[in-house]
């Protein structure tokens, strides 16, 4: 649970820093500029009917040309210009919601991975907060070197463009590391308990075994209420479900539901870590395990008992964990989903 919380908070910090680096401070903008006479260049590329991909100039599919000083490839490479085009045939909105969500998902995976690596440090390597922050900064420097610095060398990206990205990555992971290191520390190593009597020890078989001390009964409540309380606390789930939606337009309902669905998804992922049962695209041809478990695979259409393949209609879902928080409140409040909020006067 601690790793998931740290990954989420670290991703938020890194995501916000990315917004600042691109939109609030002049870190990347000075390293890029619009293409002069862009319309003419665009029309020239469109006339070639290029597919989405990466195009490099100069280029030769013949490896021998790369070492032949008389080849057209070497001559073009020496005289220039050299450029790479990352070409996407179809247009898209500059900052659509899908793009932003994918960006956050990537940051979330990276921050959660960093939290996992932090938790695996030995107490000697990660015992102090400063060492843990330094470890995450090292991860950021590693990413900057193998990613942006490598592109500067092999793809000849401009130096100022590369330096801006290196600074961006290192500062971002420094800020995220300060959050991750405050939440996640190394796993404490404990010595295994010895249950067998030591050699030469005399055991008094006549003495009755000591009675265990009574354990106080902890208040409990149904796990379904615990999940419902978390959905209300973190996503305001009940507020929108119980709201008379007929008083609002479809646009207002959709705008409110977007945040609720996003936050509900975060709660479900944190508690259950939901993954697809079949990790393939819908419509793909999938082999049916023999014998198959009817609880994991549901056959539709003209299905027979000896069917061995089919087309995926829905990938299914399964939980890889179930980590609901333990109820620590009183037994009398076990049915409370969300406490009433009062403003004292």
C-alpha atoms as a PDB file:
ATOM      1  CA  UNK A   1       0.000   0.000   0.000  1.00  0.00           C
ATOM      2  CA  UNK A   2       2.832   2.391   0.900  1.00  0.00           C
ATOM      3  CA  UNK A   3       4.487   1.820  -2.495  1.00  0.00           C
ATOM      4  CA  UNK A   4       1.245   2.554  -4.351  1.00  0.00           C
ATOM      5  CA  UNK A   5       0.612   5.750  -2.376  1.00  0.00           C
ATOM      6  CA  UNK A   6       4.206   6.872  -2.926  1.00  0.00           C
ATOM      7  CA  UNK A   7       3.980   6.096  -6.644  1.00  0.00           C
ATOM      8  CA  UNK A   8       0.766   8.104  -6.976  1.00  0.00           C
ATOM      9  CA  UNK A   9       2.103  11.151  -5.106  1.00  0.00           C
ATOM     10  CA  UNK A  10       5.467  10.976  -6.888  1.00  0.00           C
ATOM     11  CA  UNK A  11       3.708  10.831 -10.264  1.00  0.00           C
ATOM     12  CA  UNK A  12       1.598  13.878  -9.373  1.00  0.00           C
ATOM     13  CA  UNK A  13       4.716  15.861  -8.411  1.00  0.00           C
ATOM     14  CA  UNK A  14       6.570  14.859 -11.597  1.00  0.00           C
ATOM     15  CA  UNK A  15       3.503  15.563 -13.761  1.00  0.00           C
ATOM     16  CA  UNK A  16       3.026  19.032 -12.254  1.00  0.00           C
ATOM     17  CA  UNK A  17       6.724  19.794 -12.727  1.00  0.00           C
ATOM     18  CA  UNK A  18       6.401  18.784 -16.389  1.00  0.00           C
ATOM     19  CA  UNK A  19       3.563  21.288 -16.807  1.00  0.00           C
ATOM     20  CA  UNK A  20       5.695  23.991 -15.205  1.00  0.00           C
ATOM     21  CA  UNK A  21       8.756  23.146 -17.316  1.00  0.00           C
ATOM     22  CA  UNK A  22       6.803  23.346 -20.575  1.00  0.00           C
ATOM     23  CA  UNK A  23       4.224  26.043 -19.890  1.00  0.00           C
ATOM     24  CA  UNK A  24       5.395  28.337 -17.075  1.00  0.00           C
ATOM     25  CA  UNK A  25       9.168  28.726 -17.423  1.00  0.00           C
ATOM     26  CA  UNK A  26      11.251  29.173 -20.622  1.00  0.00           C
ATOM     27  CA  UNK A  27      13.087  25.842 -20.389  1.00  0.00           C
ATOM     28  CA  UNK A  28      12.123  24.105 -23.639  1.00  0.00           C
ATOM     29  CA  UNK A  29      10.652  26.867 -25.804  1.00  0.00           C
ATOM     30  CA  UNK A  30      14.004  28.526 -26.673  1.00  0.00           C
ATOM     31  CA  UNK A  31      15.327  25.193 -28.015  1.00  0.00           C
ATOM     32  CA  UNK A  32      12.550  24.772 -30.594  1.00  0.00           C
ATOM     33  CA  UNK A  33      11.058  26.983 -33.281  1.00  0.00           C
ATOM     34  CA  UNK A  34       8.455  26.789 -36.006  1.00  0.00           C
ATOM     35  CA  UNK A  35       9.496  25.678 -39.480  1.00  0.00           C
ATOM     36  CA  UNK A  36       9.770  28.564 -41.972  1.00  0.00           C
ATOM     37  CA  UNK A  37       7.436  28.138 -44.933  1.00  0.00           C
ATOM     38  CA  UNK A  38       5.849  25.213 -43.103  1.00  0.00           C
ATOM     39  CA  UNK A  39       2.883  24.959 -45.484  1.00  0.00           C
ATOM     40  CA  UNK A  40       5.092  24.314 -48.516  1.00  0.00           C
ATOM     41  CA  UNK A  41       7.075  21.671 -46.640  1.00  0.00           C
ATOM     42  CA  UNK A  42       3.869  20.054 -45.410  1.00  0.00           C
ATOM     43  CA  UNK A  43       2.372  19.928 -48.906  1.00  0.00           C
ATOM     44  CA  UNK A  44       5.592  18.393 -50.235  1.00  0.00           C
ATOM     45  CA  UNK A  45       5.445  15.631 -47.616  1.00  0.00           C
ATOM     46  CA  UNK A  46       1.741  15.003 -48.193  1.00  0.00           C
ATOM     47  CA  UNK A  47       2.325  14.649 -51.940  1.00  0.00           C
ATOM     48  CA  UNK A  48       4.657  11.740 -51.199  1.00  0.00           C
ATOM     49  CA  UNK A  49       1.785   9.958 -49.399  1.00  0.00           C
ATOM     50  CA  UNK A  50       4.030   9.043 -46.470  1.00  0.00           C
ATOM     51  CA  UNK A  51       2.849   6.606 -43.818  1.00  0.00           C
ATOM     52  CA  UNK A  52       3.261   7.457 -40.142  1.00  0.00           C
ATOM     53  CA  UNK A  53       6.880   6.810 -39.172  1.00  0.00           C
ATOM     54  CA  UNK A  54      10.400   8.214 -38.841  1.00  0.00           C
ATOM     55  CA  UNK A  55      12.249   9.467 -41.914  1.00  0.00           C
ATOM     56  CA  UNK A  56      15.950  10.344 -41.976  1.00  0.00           C
ATOM     57  CA  UNK A  57      18.026  12.270 -44.498  1.00  0.00           C
ATOM     58  CA  UNK A  58      20.422  11.090 -45.825  1.00  0.00           C
ATOM     59  CA  UNK A  59      19.651   7.386 -45.712  1.00  0.00           C
ATOM     60  CA  UNK A  60      20.742   4.179 -47.442  1.00  0.00           C
ATOM     61  CA  UNK A  61      19.429   0.668 -47.009  1.00  0.00           C
ATOM     62  CA  UNK A  62      22.747  -0.677 -48.257  1.00  0.00           C
ATOM     63  CA  UNK A  63      25.143  -1.027 -45.303  1.00  0.00           C
ATOM     64  CA  UNK A  64      28.133  -0.929 -47.693  1.00  0.00           C
ATOM     65  CA  UNK A  65      27.296   2.682 -48.589  1.00  0.00           C
ATOM     66  CA  UNK A  66      27.952   3.726 -44.989  1.00  0.00           C
ATOM     67  CA  UNK A  67      31.667   2.895 -45.360  1.00  0.00           C
ATOM     68  CA  UNK A  68      32.153   3.880 -49.001  1.00  0.00           C
ATOM     69  CA  UNK A  69      33.513   7.435 -49.226  1.00  0.00           C
ATOM     70  CA  UNK A  70      32.419   7.582 -52.862  1.00  0.00           C
ATOM     71  CA  UNK A  71      28.799   6.640 -52.187  1.00  0.00           C
ATOM     72  CA  UNK A  72      26.038   9.195 -52.533  1.00  0.00           C
ATOM     73  CA  UNK A  73      25.058   8.529 -48.912  1.00  0.00           C
ATOM     74  CA  UNK A  74      28.472   9.553 -47.524  1.00  0.00           C
ATOM     75  CA  UNK A  75      28.653  12.597 -49.799  1.00  0.00           C
ATOM     76  CA  UNK A  76      25.171  13.760 -48.765  1.00  0.00           C
ATOM     77  CA  UNK A  77      26.064  13.139 -45.119  1.00  0.00           C
ATOM     78  CA  UNK A  78      29.185  15.258 -45.364  1.00  0.00           C
ATOM     79  CA  UNK A  79      27.591  18.151 -47.232  1.00  0.00           C
ATOM     80  CA  UNK A  80      24.292  18.139 -45.278  1.00  0.00           C
ATOM     81  CA  UNK A  81      21.747  19.034 -44.273  1.00  0.00           C
ATOM     82  CA  UNK A  82      21.045  16.217 -41.786  1.00  0.00           C
ATOM     83  CA  UNK A  83      17.543  15.874 -40.397  1.00  0.00           C
ATOM     84  CA  UNK A  84      15.020  13.436 -38.969  1.00  0.00           C
ATOM     85  CA  UNK A  85      11.274  13.746 -39.470  1.00  0.00           C
ATOM     86  CA  UNK A  86       8.854  12.190 -36.985  1.00  0.00           C
ATOM     87  CA  UNK A  87       5.822  12.043 -39.232  1.00  0.00           C
ATOM     88  CA  UNK A  88       2.235  11.337 -38.139  1.00  0.00           C
ATOM     89  CA  UNK A  89      -0.152  11.259 -41.038  1.00  0.00           C
ATOM     90  CA  UNK A  90      -3.362  11.910 -39.090  1.00  0.00           C
ATOM     91  CA  UNK A  91      -3.900  15.109 -37.148  1.00  0.00           C
ATOM     92  CA  UNK A  92      -4.802  15.312 -33.451  1.00  0.00           C
ATOM     93  CA  UNK A  93      -5.744  17.918 -30.853  1.00  0.00           C
ATOM     94  CA  UNK A  94      -2.641  19.562 -29.314  1.00  0.00           C
ATOM     95  CA  UNK A  95      -3.490  18.624 -25.712  1.00  0.00           C
ATOM     96  CA  UNK A  96      -6.445  16.225 -25.808  1.00  0.00           C
ATOM     97  CA  UNK A  97      -7.537  14.339 -22.682  1.00  0.00           C
ATOM     98  CA  UNK A  98      -6.246  10.985 -23.932  1.00  0.00           C
ATOM     99  CA  UNK A  99      -2.772  12.447 -24.431  1.00  0.00           C
ATOM    100  CA  UNK A 100      -2.742  13.957 -20.932  1.00  0.00           C
ATOM    101  CA  UNK A 101      -3.989  10.749 -19.304  1.00  0.00           C
ATOM    102  CA  UNK A 102      -1.373   8.652 -21.119  1.00  0.00           C
ATOM    103  CA  UNK A 103       1.317  11.052 -19.940  1.00  0.00           C
ATOM    104  CA  UNK A 104       0.191  10.737 -16.332  1.00  0.00           C
ATOM    105  CA  UNK A 105      -0.056   6.943 -16.621  1.00  0.00           C
ATOM    106  CA  UNK A 106       3.572   6.807 -17.812  1.00  0.00           C
ATOM    107  CA  UNK A 107       4.664   8.996 -14.883  1.00  0.00           C
ATOM    108  CA  UNK A 108       2.649   6.799 -12.503  1.00  0.00           C
ATOM    109  CA  UNK A 109       4.309   3.607 -13.735  1.00  0.00           C
ATOM    110  CA  UNK A 110       7.763   5.202 -13.509  1.00  0.00           C
ATOM    111  CA  UNK A 111       7.193   6.596  -9.999  1.00  0.00           C
ATOM    112  CA  UNK A 112       5.768   3.281  -8.750  1.00  0.00           C
ATOM    113  CA  UNK A 113       8.784   1.438 -10.176  1.00  0.00           C
ATOM    114  CA  UNK A 114      11.107   3.906  -8.409  1.00  0.00           C
ATOM    115  CA  UNK A 115       9.186   3.308  -5.152  1.00  0.00           C
ATOM    116  CA  UNK A 116       9.598  -0.461  -5.574  1.00  0.00           C
ATOM    117  CA  UNK A 117      13.340  -0.051  -6.106  1.00  0.00           C
ATOM    118  CA  UNK A 118      13.545   2.160  -3.008  1.00  0.00           C
ATOM    119  CA  UNK A 119      11.786  -0.440  -0.875  1.00  0.00           C
ATOM    120  CA  UNK A 120      14.296  -3.064  -2.007  1.00  0.00           C
ATOM    121  CA  UNK A 121      17.332  -1.114  -0.790  1.00  0.00           C
ATOM    122  CA  UNK A 122      19.246  -2.495   2.150  1.00  0.00           C
ATOM    123  CA  UNK A 123      19.131  -0.450   5.393  1.00  0.00           C
ATOM    124  CA  UNK A 124      22.803   0.392   4.856  1.00  0.00           C
ATOM    125  CA  UNK A 125      22.231   1.881   1.376  1.00  0.00           C
ATOM    126  CA  UNK A 126      18.879   3.556   1.973  1.00  0.00           C
ATOM    127  CA  UNK A 127      18.781   4.077   5.716  1.00  0.00           C
ATOM    128  CA  UNK A 128      18.769   7.883   5.550  1.00  0.00           C
ATOM    129  CA  UNK A 129      16.360  10.217   3.788  1.00  0.00           C
ATOM    130  CA  UNK A 130      19.193  11.932   1.891  1.00  0.00           C
ATOM    131  CA  UNK A 131      20.455   8.616   0.510  1.00  0.00           C
ATOM    132  CA  UNK A 132      17.007   7.656  -0.693  1.00  0.00           C
ATOM    133  CA  UNK A 133      16.545  11.008  -2.425  1.00  0.00           C
ATOM    134  CA  UNK A 134      19.987  10.605  -3.988  1.00  0.00           C
ATOM    135  CA  UNK A 135      19.033   7.147  -5.239  1.00  0.00           C
ATOM    136  CA  UNK A 136      15.998   8.545  -7.102  1.00  0.00           C
ATOM    137  CA  UNK A 137      18.103  11.404  -8.492  1.00  0.00           C
ATOM    138  CA  UNK A 138      20.491   8.736  -9.772  1.00  0.00           C
ATOM    139  CA  UNK A 139      17.577   7.080 -11.558  1.00  0.00           C
ATOM    140  CA  UNK A 140      16.758  10.408 -13.210  1.00  0.00           C
ATOM    141  CA  UNK A 141      20.384  10.882 -14.294  1.00  0.00           C
ATOM    142  CA  UNK A 142      20.379   7.358 -15.716  1.00  0.00           C
ATOM    143  CA  UNK A 143      17.256   8.134 -17.761  1.00  0.00           C
ATOM    144  CA  UNK A 144      18.793  11.414 -18.988  1.00  0.00           C
ATOM    145  CA  UNK A 145      22.005   9.683 -20.107  1.00  0.00           C
ATOM    146  CA  UNK A 146      20.573   6.593 -21.826  1.00  0.00           C
ATOM    147  CA  UNK A 147      17.737   8.614 -23.350  1.00  0.00           C
ATOM    148  CA  UNK A 148      18.418  12.230 -24.205  1.00  0.00           C
ATOM    149  CA  UNK A 149      22.236  12.174 -24.154  1.00  0.00           C
ATOM    150  CA  UNK A 150      22.233   9.101 -26.399  1.00  0.00           C
ATOM    151  CA  UNK A 151      19.957  10.840 -28.895  1.00  0.00           C
ATOM    152  CA  UNK A 152      22.308  13.850 -28.858  1.00  0.00           C
ATOM    153  CA  UNK A 153      25.180  11.547 -29.796  1.00  0.00           C
ATOM    154  CA  UNK A 154      23.594   9.121 -32.258  1.00  0.00           C
ATOM    155  CA  UNK A 155      20.763  11.187 -33.730  1.00  0.00           C
ATOM    156  CA  UNK A 156      22.721  14.474 -33.541  1.00  0.00           C
ATOM    157  CA  UNK A 157      20.035  16.307 -31.596  1.00  0.00           C
ATOM    158  CA  UNK A 158      21.065  19.945 -30.846  1.00  0.00           C
ATOM    159  CA  UNK A 159      23.018  20.489 -27.623  1.00  0.00           C
ATOM    160  CA  UNK A 160      20.677  23.148 -26.163  1.00  0.00           C
ATOM    161  CA  UNK A 161      17.651  20.943 -26.892  1.00  0.00           C
ATOM    162  CA  UNK A 162      19.343  18.002 -25.123  1.00  0.00           C
ATOM    163  CA  UNK A 163      20.527  20.044 -22.135  1.00  0.00           C
ATOM    164  CA  UNK A 164      16.988  21.356 -21.566  1.00  0.00           C
ATOM    165  CA  UNK A 165      15.602  17.809 -21.445  1.00  0.00           C
ATOM    166  CA  UNK A 166      18.404  16.613 -19.159  1.00  0.00           C
ATOM    167  CA  UNK A 167      17.699  19.476 -16.737  1.00  0.00           C
ATOM    168  CA  UNK A 168      13.966  18.769 -16.965  1.00  0.00           C
ATOM    169  CA  UNK A 169      14.387  15.069 -16.110  1.00  0.00           C
ATOM    170  CA  UNK A 170      16.865  15.573 -13.260  1.00  0.00           C
ATOM    171  CA  UNK A 171      14.860  18.339 -11.562  1.00  0.00           C
ATOM    172  CA  UNK A 172      11.620  16.384 -11.991  1.00  0.00           C
ATOM    173  CA  UNK A 173      13.019  13.223 -10.408  1.00  0.00           C
ATOM    174  CA  UNK A 174      14.681  15.233  -7.643  1.00  0.00           C
ATOM    175  CA  UNK A 175      11.274  16.645  -6.663  1.00  0.00           C
ATOM    176  CA  UNK A 176       9.576  13.258  -7.032  1.00  0.00           C
ATOM    177  CA  UNK A 177      12.408  11.624  -5.089  1.00  0.00           C
ATOM    178  CA  UNK A 178      11.837  13.955  -2.141  1.00  0.00           C
ATOM    179  CA  UNK A 179       8.258  12.663  -1.952  1.00  0.00           C
ATOM    180  CA  UNK A 180       9.089   8.995  -2.583  1.00  0.00           C
ATOM    181  CA  UNK A 181      11.913   8.951  -0.030  1.00  0.00           C
ATOM    182  CA  UNK A 182       9.650  10.435   2.647  1.00  0.00           C
ATOM    183  CA  UNK A 183       7.133   7.585   2.252  1.00  0.00           C
ATOM    184  CA  UNK A 184       9.152   4.514   1.228  1.00  0.00           C
ATOM    185  CA  UNK A 185      12.227   3.204   3.018  1.00  0.00           C
ATOM    186  CA  UNK A 186      14.233  -0.014   2.901  1.00  0.00           C
ATOM    187  CA  UNK A 187      12.614  -3.199   4.157  1.00  0.00           C
ATOM    188  CA  UNK A 188      13.865  -4.021   7.634  1.00  0.00           C
ATOM    189  CA  UNK A 189      15.674  -7.359   7.829  1.00  0.00           C
ATOM    190  CA  UNK A 190      14.680  -9.485  10.782  1.00  0.00           C
ATOM    191  CA  UNK A 191      16.402 -12.586  12.048  1.00  0.00           C
ATOM    192  CA  UNK A 192      14.350 -15.802  11.834  1.00  0.00           C
ATOM    193  CA  UNK A 193      12.829 -16.872  15.116  1.00  0.00           C
ATOM    194  CA  UNK A 194      14.154 -20.075  16.677  1.00  0.00           C
ATOM    195  CA  UNK A 195      11.427 -22.365  17.926  1.00  0.00           C
ATOM    196  CA  UNK A 196      13.404 -25.512  18.713  1.00  0.00           C
ATOM    197  CA  UNK A 197      14.978 -25.827  22.202  1.00  0.00           C
ATOM    198  CA  UNK A 198      18.731 -25.298  22.296  1.00  0.00           C
ATOM    199  CA  UNK A 199      21.052 -28.276  22.837  1.00  0.00           C
ATOM    200  CA  UNK A 200      21.378 -29.331  26.473  1.00  0.00           C
ATOM    201  CA  UNK A 201      18.264 -27.463  27.561  1.00  0.00           C
ATOM    202  CA  UNK A 202      16.071 -29.330  30.060  1.00  0.00           C
ATOM    203  CA  UNK A 203      12.362 -29.147  29.332  1.00  0.00           C
ATOM    204  CA  UNK A 204      10.003 -29.581  32.252  1.00  0.00           C
ATOM    205  CA  UNK A 205       7.209 -31.710  30.810  1.00  0.00           C
ATOM    206  CA  UNK A 206       5.171 -31.597  34.035  1.00  0.00           C
ATOM    207  CA  UNK A 207       4.805 -27.817  34.038  1.00  0.00           C
ATOM    208  CA  UNK A 208       1.567 -26.817  32.260  1.00  0.00           C
ATOM    209  CA  UNK A 209       1.914 -24.506  29.303  1.00  0.00           C
ATOM    210  CA  UNK A 210       1.234 -20.885  30.072  1.00  0.00           C
ATOM    211  CA  UNK A 211      -2.133 -19.648  28.903  1.00  0.00           C
ATOM    212  CA  UNK A 212      -1.949 -17.004  26.206  1.00  0.00           C
ATOM    213  CA  UNK A 213      -2.962 -13.536  27.250  1.00  0.00           C
ATOM    214  CA  UNK A 214      -6.476 -12.615  26.182  1.00  0.00           C
ATOM    215  CA  UNK A 215      -6.589 -10.644  22.980  1.00  0.00           C
ATOM    216  CA  UNK A 216      -8.921  -7.675  22.833  1.00  0.00           C
ATOM    217  CA  UNK A 217     -11.547  -8.012  20.130  1.00  0.00           C
ATOM    218  CA  UNK A 218     -11.153  -5.296  17.511  1.00  0.00           C
ATOM    219  CA  UNK A 219     -14.249  -3.634  16.099  1.00  0.00           C
ATOM    220  CA  UNK A 220     -15.057  -4.846  12.591  1.00  0.00           C
ATOM    221  CA  UNK A 221     -17.286  -3.908   9.715  1.00  0.00           C
ATOM    222  CA  UNK A 222     -18.133  -5.366   6.323  1.00  0.00           C
ATOM    223  CA  UNK A 223     -15.449  -4.911   3.639  1.00  0.00           C
ATOM    224  CA  UNK A 224     -18.089  -3.643   1.210  1.00  0.00           C
ATOM    225  CA  UNK A 225     -18.700  -0.648   3.480  1.00  0.00           C
ATOM    226  CA  UNK A 226     -14.949  -0.024   3.712  1.00  0.00           C
ATOM    227  CA  UNK A 227     -14.718   0.091  -0.103  1.00  0.00           C
ATOM    228  CA  UNK A 228     -17.818   2.309  -0.368  1.00  0.00           C
ATOM    229  CA  UNK A 229     -16.383   4.701   2.236  1.00  0.00           C
ATOM    230  CA  UNK A 230     -13.117   4.959   0.279  1.00  0.00           C
ATOM    231  CA  UNK A 231     -14.987   5.686  -2.976  1.00  0.00           C
ATOM    232  CA  UNK A 232     -16.949   8.450  -1.245  1.00  0.00           C
ATOM    233  CA  UNK A 233     -13.937   9.909   0.568  1.00  0.00           C
ATOM    234  CA  UNK A 234     -11.612  10.019  -2.450  1.00  0.00           C
ATOM    235  CA  UNK A 235     -13.998  10.258  -5.405  1.00  0.00           C
ATOM    236  CA  UNK A 236     -17.297  11.661  -3.978  1.00  0.00           C
ATOM    237  CA  UNK A 237     -19.003   8.592  -5.449  1.00  0.00           C
ATOM    238  CA  UNK A 238     -22.186   8.728  -3.328  1.00  0.00           C
ATOM    239  CA  UNK A 239     -22.546  12.484  -3.806  1.00  0.00           C
ATOM    240  CA  UNK A 240     -22.988  12.120  -7.565  1.00  0.00           C
ATOM    241  CA  UNK A 241     -25.005   8.868  -7.331  1.00  0.00           C
ATOM    242  CA  UNK A 242     -27.495  10.362  -4.877  1.00  0.00           C
ATOM    243  CA  UNK A 243     -27.673  13.751  -6.631  1.00  0.00           C
ATOM    244  CA  UNK A 244     -30.937  14.362  -8.585  1.00  0.00           C
ATOM    245  CA  UNK A 245     -29.287  14.372 -12.009  1.00  0.00           C
ATOM    246  CA  UNK A 246     -32.448  15.529 -13.743  1.00  0.00           C
ATOM    247  CA  UNK A 247     -31.706  19.073 -12.585  1.00  0.00           C
ATOM    248  CA  UNK A 248     -28.496  19.214 -14.652  1.00  0.00           C
ATOM    249  CA  UNK A 249     -27.638  19.128 -18.347  1.00  0.00           C
ATOM    250  CA  UNK A 250     -25.810  16.199 -19.947  1.00  0.00           C
ATOM    251  CA  UNK A 251     -22.700  18.358 -20.285  1.00  0.00           C
ATOM    252  CA  UNK A 252     -22.723  19.214 -16.558  1.00  0.00           C
ATOM    253  CA  UNK A 253     -23.224  15.566 -15.592  1.00  0.00           C
ATOM    254  CA  UNK A 254     -20.444  14.450 -17.936  1.00  0.00           C
ATOM    255  CA  UNK A 255     -18.004  17.040 -16.606  1.00  0.00           C
ATOM    256  CA  UNK A 256     -18.682  16.007 -12.993  1.00  0.00           C
ATOM    257  CA  UNK A 257     -18.630  12.274 -13.782  1.00  0.00           C
ATOM    258  CA  UNK A 258     -15.201  12.509 -15.456  1.00  0.00           C
ATOM    259  CA  UNK A 259     -13.449  13.412 -12.182  1.00  0.00           C
ATOM    260  CA  UNK A 260     -15.505  10.907 -10.198  1.00  0.00           C
ATOM    261  CA  UNK A 261     -14.724   8.048 -12.607  1.00  0.00           C
ATOM    262  CA  UNK A 262     -11.029   8.926 -12.642  1.00  0.00           C
ATOM    263  CA  UNK A 263     -10.787   8.978  -8.835  1.00  0.00           C
ATOM    264  CA  UNK A 264     -12.877   5.798  -8.513  1.00  0.00           C
ATOM    265  CA  UNK A 265     -10.460   4.074 -10.882  1.00  0.00           C
ATOM    266  CA  UNK A 266      -7.532   5.142  -8.694  1.00  0.00           C
ATOM    267  CA  UNK A 267      -9.218   3.642  -5.610  1.00  0.00           C
ATOM    268  CA  UNK A 268      -9.951   0.353  -7.407  1.00  0.00           C
ATOM    269  CA  UNK A 269      -6.387   0.104  -8.692  1.00  0.00           C
ATOM    270  CA  UNK A 270      -4.901   0.812  -5.262  1.00  0.00           C
ATOM    271  CA  UNK A 271      -7.036  -1.763  -3.462  1.00  0.00           C
ATOM    272  CA  UNK A 272      -7.211  -4.494  -6.107  1.00  0.00           C
ATOM    273  CA  UNK A 273      -4.542  -3.747  -8.785  1.00  0.00           C
ATOM    274  CA  UNK A 274      -6.938  -4.798 -11.542  1.00  0.00           C
ATOM    275  CA  UNK A 275      -5.408  -6.304 -14.705  1.00  0.00           C
ATOM    276  CA  UNK A 276      -6.913  -7.737 -17.929  1.00  0.00           C
ATOM    277  CA  UNK A 277      -7.325 -11.529 -17.985  1.00  0.00           C
ATOM    278  CA  UNK A 278      -6.378 -11.630 -21.684  1.00  0.00           C
ATOM    279  CA  UNK A 279      -3.792  -8.996 -22.528  1.00  0.00           C
ATOM    280  CA  UNK A 280      -4.683  -8.561 -26.211  1.00  0.00           C
ATOM    281  CA  UNK A 281      -6.677  -6.116 -28.320  1.00  0.00           C
ATOM    282  CA  UNK A 282     -10.398  -6.722 -28.784  1.00  0.00           C
ATOM    283  CA  UNK A 283     -11.049  -8.619 -32.001  1.00  0.00           C
ATOM    284  CA  UNK A 284      -7.764 -10.523 -31.799  1.00  0.00           C
ATOM    285  CA  UNK A 285      -7.702 -14.279 -32.339  1.00  0.00           C
ATOM    286  CA  UNK A 286      -7.151 -16.006 -28.976  1.00  0.00           C
ATOM    287  CA  UNK A 287      -6.510 -19.641 -28.149  1.00  0.00           C
ATOM    288  CA  UNK A 288      -8.996 -21.144 -25.686  1.00  0.00           C
ATOM    289  CA  UNK A 289      -7.240 -23.059 -22.879  1.00  0.00           C
ATOM    290  CA  UNK A 290      -8.251 -26.697 -22.681  1.00  0.00           C
ATOM    291  CA  UNK A 291      -9.922 -27.424 -20.392  1.00  0.00           C
ATOM    292  CA  UNK A 292     -11.004 -23.826 -19.776  1.00  0.00           C
ATOM    293  CA  UNK A 293     -12.370 -22.395 -16.528  1.00  0.00           C
ATOM    294  CA  UNK A 294     -15.899 -21.093 -17.091  1.00  0.00           C
ATOM    295  CA  UNK A 295     -15.300 -18.457 -14.407  1.00  0.00           C
ATOM    296  CA  UNK A 296     -12.358 -17.019 -16.372  1.00  0.00           C
ATOM    297  CA  UNK A 297     -13.584 -17.500 -19.956  1.00  0.00           C
ATOM    298  CA  UNK A 298     -17.165 -17.172 -21.187  1.00  0.00           C
ATOM    299  CA  UNK A 299     -17.808 -18.473 -24.691  1.00  0.00           C
ATOM    300  CA  UNK A 300     -20.520 -16.842 -26.789  1.00  0.00           C
ATOM    301  CA  UNK A 301     -21.758 -17.315 -30.311  1.00  0.00           C
ATOM    302  CA  UNK A 302     -21.734 -20.778 -31.919  1.00  0.00           C
ATOM    303  CA  UNK A 303     -19.527 -22.311 -29.202  1.00  0.00           C
ATOM    304  CA  UNK A 304     -18.898 -26.030 -28.886  1.00  0.00           C
ATOM    305  CA  UNK A 305     -17.119 -28.004 -26.208  1.00  0.00           C
ATOM    306  CA  UNK A 306     -14.150 -28.697 -28.497  1.00  0.00           C
ATOM    307  CA  UNK A 307     -13.619 -25.077 -29.619  1.00  0.00           C
ATOM    308  CA  UNK A 308      -9.917 -24.177 -29.476  1.00  0.00           C
ATOM    309  CA  UNK A 309      -9.884 -20.520 -30.592  1.00  0.00           C
ATOM    310  CA  UNK A 310     -12.112 -17.497 -30.818  1.00  0.00           C
ATOM    311  CA  UNK A 311     -12.150 -13.745 -31.305  1.00  0.00           C
ATOM    312  CA  UNK A 312     -11.747 -11.607 -28.194  1.00  0.00           C
ATOM    313  CA  UNK A 313     -14.906  -9.607 -27.448  1.00  0.00           C
ATOM    314  CA  UNK A 314     -13.841  -8.322 -24.013  1.00  0.00           C
ATOM    315  CA  UNK A 315     -10.504  -8.913 -22.286  1.00  0.00           C
ATOM    316  CA  UNK A 316     -12.065  -9.436 -18.830  1.00  0.00           C
ATOM    317  CA  UNK A 317     -10.726  -8.198 -15.508  1.00  0.00           C
ATOM    318  CA  UNK A 318      -9.114  -9.850 -12.514  1.00  0.00           C
ATOM    319  CA  UNK A 319      -7.758  -8.525  -9.229  1.00  0.00           C
ATOM    320  CA  UNK A 320      -4.114  -9.259  -8.491  1.00  0.00           C
ATOM    321  CA  UNK A 321      -4.535  -8.270  -4.826  1.00  0.00           C
ATOM    322  CA  UNK A 322      -7.176  -7.344  -2.255  1.00  0.00           C
ATOM    323  CA  UNK A 323      -5.834  -4.845   0.250  1.00  0.00           C
ATOM    324  CA  UNK A 324      -8.710  -3.119   1.983  1.00  0.00           C
ATOM    325  CA  UNK A 325      -7.785  -0.952   4.987  1.00  0.00           C
ATOM    326  CA  UNK A 326      -8.660  -2.370   8.408  1.00  0.00           C
ATOM    327  CA  UNK A 327     -11.449  -0.650  10.277  1.00  0.00           C
ATOM    328  CA  UNK A 328     -10.114   1.101  13.387  1.00  0.00           C
ATOM    329  CA  UNK A 329     -13.157   3.065  14.439  1.00  0.00           C
ATOM    330  CA  UNK A 330     -15.726   2.169  17.049  1.00  0.00           C
ATOM    331  CA  UNK A 331     -18.250  -0.614  16.543  1.00  0.00           C
ATOM    332  CA  UNK A 332     -21.091   1.879  16.825  1.00  0.00           C
ATOM    333  CA  UNK A 333     -19.757   3.766  13.769  1.00  0.00           C
ATOM    334  CA  UNK A 334     -19.075   0.671  11.660  1.00  0.00           C
ATOM    335  CA  UNK A 335     -22.038   1.449   9.366  1.00  0.00           C
ATOM    336  CA  UNK A 336     -21.003   5.080   8.784  1.00  0.00           C
ATOM    337  CA  UNK A 337     -19.864   5.621   5.196  1.00  0.00           C
ATOM    338  CA  UNK A 338     -19.051   9.350   5.399  1.00  0.00           C
ATOM    339  CA  UNK A 339     -19.248  11.483   8.519  1.00  0.00           C
ATOM    340  CA  UNK A 340     -21.531  14.516   8.488  1.00  0.00           C
ATOM    341  CA  UNK A 341     -19.567  17.753   8.130  1.00  0.00           C
ATOM    342  CA  UNK A 342     -20.501  20.667  10.418  1.00  0.00           C
ATOM    343  CA  UNK A 343     -19.058  24.172  10.509  1.00  0.00           C
ATOM    344  CA  UNK A 344     -18.804  25.372  14.082  1.00  0.00           C
ATOM    345  CA  UNK A 345     -20.194  28.836  14.823  1.00  0.00           C
END
